[in-house]
């Protein structure tokens, strides 16, 4: 995936329904780290 150097919009990663699955959460956060994400939003159901 290619990313523009002159980014003209914000990118948001929405995460939800984690249900205490720490392994899946770590995988998603690792994926987010490799992308040009400006903000992470938690939509709920963490526990």
N, C-alpha and C. Protein backbone atom coordinates (compact mmCIF):
# COMPACT_ATOMS: atom_id res chain seq x y z
N UNK A 1 0.84 -1.17 0.00
CA UNK A 1 0.00 0.00 0.00
C UNK A 1 0.89 1.23 0.00
N UNK A 2 0.58 2.17 -0.86
CA UNK A 2 1.36 3.39 -0.96
C UNK A 2 0.66 4.52 -0.23
N UNK A 3 1.46 5.39 0.38
CA UNK A 3 0.91 6.52 1.09
C UNK A 3 1.46 7.80 0.48
N UNK A 4 0.62 8.79 0.38
CA UNK A 4 1.01 10.07 -0.18
C UNK A 4 1.81 10.85 0.85
N UNK A 5 2.86 11.51 0.39
CA UNK A 5 3.66 12.36 1.27
C UNK A 5 2.85 13.59 1.66
N UNK A 6 2.07 14.12 0.72
CA UNK A 6 1.24 15.30 0.97
C UNK A 6 -0.18 14.86 1.34
N UNK A 7 -0.31 14.33 2.52
CA UNK A 7 -1.59 13.81 2.98
C UNK A 7 -2.57 14.95 3.21
N UNK A 8 -3.77 14.84 2.63
CA UNK A 8 -4.74 15.92 2.71
C UNK A 8 -5.94 15.57 3.59
N UNK A 9 -5.92 14.44 4.25
CA UNK A 9 -7.03 14.06 5.12
C UNK A 9 -6.48 13.24 6.28
N UNK A 10 -7.24 13.19 7.36
CA UNK A 10 -6.86 12.41 8.53
C UNK A 10 -7.34 10.98 8.37
N UNK A 11 -6.55 10.05 8.83
CA UNK A 11 -6.96 8.65 8.81
C UNK A 11 -7.27 8.21 10.23
N UNK A 12 -8.35 7.47 10.37
CA UNK A 12 -8.83 7.03 11.68
C UNK A 12 -8.95 5.51 11.66
N UNK A 13 -8.44 4.87 12.70
CA UNK A 13 -8.62 3.43 12.89
C UNK A 13 -9.65 3.25 13.98
N UNK A 14 -10.72 2.54 13.67
CA UNK A 14 -11.77 2.26 14.65
C UNK A 14 -11.63 0.82 15.12
N UNK A 15 -11.54 0.63 16.45
CA UNK A 15 -11.47 -0.72 17.00
C UNK A 15 -12.66 -0.92 17.94
N UNK A 16 -13.17 -2.15 17.98
CA UNK A 16 -14.31 -2.45 18.86
C UNK A 16 -14.38 -3.95 19.11
N UNK A 17 -15.24 -4.33 20.03
CA UNK A 17 -15.51 -5.74 20.34
C UNK A 17 -14.23 -6.53 20.63
N UNK A 18 -13.41 -5.96 21.48
CA UNK A 18 -12.15 -6.62 21.85
C UNK A 18 -12.41 -7.83 22.75
N UNK A 19 -13.35 -7.69 23.66
CA UNK A 19 -13.76 -8.78 24.56
C UNK A 19 -12.58 -9.47 25.24
N UNK A 20 -11.63 -8.69 25.74
CA UNK A 20 -10.46 -9.17 26.47
C UNK A 20 -9.55 -10.10 25.66
N UNK A 21 -9.66 -10.07 24.35
CA UNK A 21 -8.79 -10.88 23.48
C UNK A 21 -7.51 -10.11 23.22
N UNK A 22 -6.57 -10.22 24.15
CA UNK A 22 -5.34 -9.43 24.08
C UNK A 22 -4.49 -9.79 22.86
N UNK A 23 -4.54 -11.02 22.42
CA UNK A 23 -3.74 -11.43 21.26
C UNK A 23 -4.24 -10.76 19.98
N UNK A 24 -5.54 -10.71 19.81
CA UNK A 24 -6.11 -10.03 18.64
C UNK A 24 -5.87 -8.53 18.72
N UNK A 25 -6.01 -7.95 19.91
CA UNK A 25 -5.76 -6.52 20.09
C UNK A 25 -4.32 -6.18 19.74
N UNK A 26 -3.37 -6.98 20.21
CA UNK A 26 -1.96 -6.73 19.88
C UNK A 26 -1.72 -6.80 18.37
N UNK A 27 -2.35 -7.74 17.71
CA UNK A 27 -2.19 -7.88 16.25
C UNK A 27 -2.76 -6.65 15.53
N UNK A 28 -3.91 -6.19 15.97
CA UNK A 28 -4.52 -5.01 15.35
C UNK A 28 -3.67 -3.77 15.60
N UNK A 29 -3.20 -3.59 16.82
CA UNK A 29 -2.37 -2.42 17.13
C UNK A 29 -1.06 -2.45 16.36
N UNK A 30 -0.49 -3.62 16.15
CA UNK A 30 0.72 -3.75 15.33
C UNK A 30 0.44 -3.35 13.90
N UNK A 31 -0.69 -3.78 13.37
CA UNK A 31 -1.08 -3.42 12.02
C UNK A 31 -1.29 -1.90 11.90
N UNK A 32 -1.95 -1.33 12.89
CA UNK A 32 -2.19 0.12 12.89
C UNK A 32 -0.86 0.87 12.92
N UNK A 33 0.09 0.36 13.69
CA UNK A 33 1.40 1.02 13.80
C UNK A 33 2.11 1.10 12.45
N UNK A 34 1.88 0.13 11.57
CA UNK A 34 2.53 0.10 10.27
C UNK A 34 1.81 0.93 9.21
N UNK A 35 0.70 1.51 9.59
CA UNK A 35 -0.06 2.37 8.67
C UNK A 35 0.07 3.82 9.12
N UNK A 36 -0.29 4.72 8.28
CA UNK A 36 -0.19 6.15 8.59
C UNK A 36 -1.50 6.62 9.23
N UNK A 37 -1.75 6.14 10.44
CA UNK A 37 -3.00 6.44 11.15
C UNK A 37 -2.81 7.66 12.05
N UNK A 38 -3.75 8.59 11.98
CA UNK A 38 -3.67 9.80 12.80
C UNK A 38 -4.34 9.63 14.16
N UNK A 39 -5.38 8.80 14.22
CA UNK A 39 -6.14 8.67 15.46
C UNK A 39 -6.76 7.28 15.55
N UNK A 40 -6.79 6.74 16.76
CA UNK A 40 -7.46 5.47 17.03
C UNK A 40 -8.69 5.77 17.88
N UNK A 41 -9.83 5.23 17.46
CA UNK A 41 -11.09 5.42 18.18
C UNK A 41 -11.56 4.05 18.67
N UNK A 42 -11.87 3.98 19.97
CA UNK A 42 -12.41 2.75 20.55
C UNK A 42 -13.93 2.86 20.59
N UNK A 43 -14.62 1.95 19.92
CA UNK A 43 -16.07 2.02 19.85
C UNK A 43 -16.76 1.23 20.96
N UNK A 44 -15.99 0.59 21.82
CA UNK A 44 -16.60 -0.08 22.97
C UNK A 44 -16.39 -1.58 23.01
N UNK A 45 -17.01 -2.22 23.98
CA UNK A 45 -16.90 -3.66 24.23
C UNK A 45 -15.45 -4.12 24.43
N UNK A 46 -14.78 -3.49 25.37
CA UNK A 46 -13.39 -3.81 25.65
C UNK A 46 -13.29 -5.07 26.52
N UNK A 47 -14.15 -5.17 27.50
CA UNK A 47 -14.08 -6.30 28.42
C UNK A 47 -14.85 -7.48 27.92
